Amino acid sequence: MSKIIYNKLIRDRIPEIIRAAGKQCETVLMTDEEYIQALRSKLVEEAREAQQAAPGDLVTELADLQEVIAALMAVYGISPEQVSTVQSSRRVERGGFEQRLKLLWSG
């Protein structure tokens, strides 16, 4: 058996899925600090996957991204209402992205 080294945060059922496929794996429980850092890294990983996703796969990648965001919000005690309030405020202050503007330069 050849081992593939991952050293990254995985979803809770992944070990079960690996074992059901007749393979082996090893996991460890992260400390709170390791977990928070792993979530932040996973956020970037999932954002890159969403960036590169084919149109038909985008919804899955966005769902994965939202799962990581939900976990980060839980860790930091941030409610969906807090995020929604700040999002609305920033939209009023700075606008959204509806106009599809690209900044070419500023002086």
Protein backbone atom coordinates (compact mmCIF):
# COMPACT_ATOMS: atom_id res chain seq x y z
CA MET A 1 0.00 0.00 0.00
CA SER A 2 1.38 3.41 -0.93
CA LYS A 3 0.59 6.29 1.40
CA ILE A 4 -0.45 9.71 0.21
CA ILE A 5 0.37 12.41 2.76
CA TYR A 6 -2.27 15.13 3.18
CA ASN A 7 -1.81 16.87 6.57
CA LYS A 8 -4.96 18.95 6.13
CA LEU A 9 -8.38 19.50 7.63
CA ILE A 10 -10.97 17.08 6.31
CA ARG A 11 -14.71 16.67 6.67
CA ASP A 12 -15.86 14.49 9.57
CA ARG A 13 -17.01 11.50 7.50
CA ILE A 14 -13.93 11.22 5.25
CA PRO A 15 -12.20 8.53 7.39
CA GLU A 16 -15.39 6.46 7.30
CA ILE A 17 -15.61 6.86 3.51
CA ILE A 18 -11.94 5.90 3.07
CA ARG A 19 -12.37 2.76 5.23
CA ALA A 20 -15.59 1.80 3.42
CA ALA A 21 -13.55 1.84 0.22
CA GLY A 22 -11.24 -0.79 1.77
CA LYS A 23 -8.38 1.63 2.40
CA GLN A 24 -6.66 2.79 5.56
CA CYS A 25 -6.03 6.23 6.98
CA GLU A 26 -4.77 7.90 10.12
CA THR A 27 -6.17 11.05 11.70
CA VAL A 28 -5.35 13.16 14.74
CA LEU A 29 -7.41 15.64 16.72
CA MET A 30 -6.17 19.19 16.28
CA THR A 31 -5.78 21.70 19.09
CA ASP A 32 -8.06 24.74 18.99
CA GLU A 33 -5.24 26.86 17.57
CA GLU A 34 -4.38 24.27 14.90
CA TYR A 35 -8.07 23.92 14.00
CA ILE A 36 -8.56 27.66 13.55
CA GLN A 37 -5.47 27.93 11.35
CA ALA A 38 -6.57 24.85 9.38
CA LEU A 39 -10.00 26.42 8.79
CA ARG A 40 -8.40 29.62 7.52
CA SER A 41 -6.20 27.58 5.17
CA LYS A 42 -9.20 25.53 4.05
CA LEU A 43 -11.05 28.78 3.30
CA VAL A 44 -8.35 29.77 0.81
CA GLU A 45 -8.19 26.23 -0.64
CA GLU A 46 -11.95 26.14 -1.22
CA ALA A 47 -11.94 29.67 -2.68
CA ARG A 48 -9.27 28.61 -5.19
CA GLU A 49 -11.32 25.55 -6.12
CA ALA A 50 -14.36 27.78 -6.66
CA GLN A 51 -12.24 30.13 -8.77
CA GLN A 52 -11.14 27.27 -11.03
CA ALA A 53 -14.42 25.33 -11.10
CA ALA A 54 -16.23 24.61 -14.33
CA PRO A 55 -19.67 26.27 -14.42
CA GLY A 56 -21.38 22.94 -13.68
CA ASP A 57 -19.23 22.38 -10.58
CA LEU A 58 -19.44 25.88 -9.17
CA VAL A 59 -22.45 25.22 -6.93
CA THR A 60 -20.60 22.34 -5.22
CA GLU A 61 -17.50 24.46 -4.67
CA LEU A 62 -19.56 27.34 -3.30
CA ALA A 63 -21.30 24.90 -0.92
CA ASP A 64 -17.89 23.72 0.30
CA LEU A 65 -16.83 27.32 0.78
CA GLN A 66 -19.97 28.06 2.78
CA GLU A 67 -19.32 25.00 4.96
CA VAL A 68 -15.90 26.38 5.89
CA ILE A 69 -17.35 29.84 6.48
CA ALA A 70 -20.00 28.34 8.78
CA ALA A 71 -17.32 26.50 10.76
CA LEU A 72 -15.25 29.68 11.13
CA MET A 73 -18.31 31.61 12.24
CA ALA A 74 -19.04 28.95 14.86
CA VAL A 75 -15.46 29.04 16.17
CA TYR A 76 -15.53 32.82 16.53
CA GLY A 77 -19.14 33.01 17.76
CA ILE A 78 -20.28 35.05 14.76
CA SER A 79 -23.96 34.77 13.89
CA PRO A 80 -25.39 34.79 10.36
CA GLU A 81 -27.29 37.92 11.37
CA GLN A 82 -24.04 39.71 12.26
CA VAL A 83 -22.57 38.85 8.88
CA SER A 84 -25.74 39.93 7.09
CA THR A 85 -25.79 43.26 8.95
CA VAL A 86 -22.15 44.02 8.11
CA GLN A 87 -22.67 42.88 4.51
CA SER A 88 -25.63 45.26 4.13
CA SER A 89 -23.70 48.10 5.72
CA ARG A 90 -20.70 47.59 3.43
CA ARG A 91 -22.98 47.44 0.40
CA VAL A 92 -24.49 50.82 1.37
CA GLU A 93 -21.05 52.35 2.08
CA ARG A 94 -19.03 50.85 -0.77
CA GLY A 95 -21.58 49.32 -3.15
CA GLY A 96 -21.94 45.78 -4.43
CA PHE A 97 -20.64 44.24 -7.62
CA GLU A 98 -23.71 44.60 -9.85
CA GLN A 99 -22.17 47.22 -12.16
CA ARG A 100 -19.25 44.92 -13.07
CA LEU A 101 -16.68 47.72 -12.73
CA LYS A 102 -12.96 47.11 -13.23
CA LEU A 103 -10.57 49.71 -11.81
CA LEU A 104 -7.85 50.38 -14.38
CA TRP A 105 -5.93 53.02 -12.49
CA SER A 106 -6.15 55.60 -9.75
CA GLY A 107 -4.10 58.74 -9.19
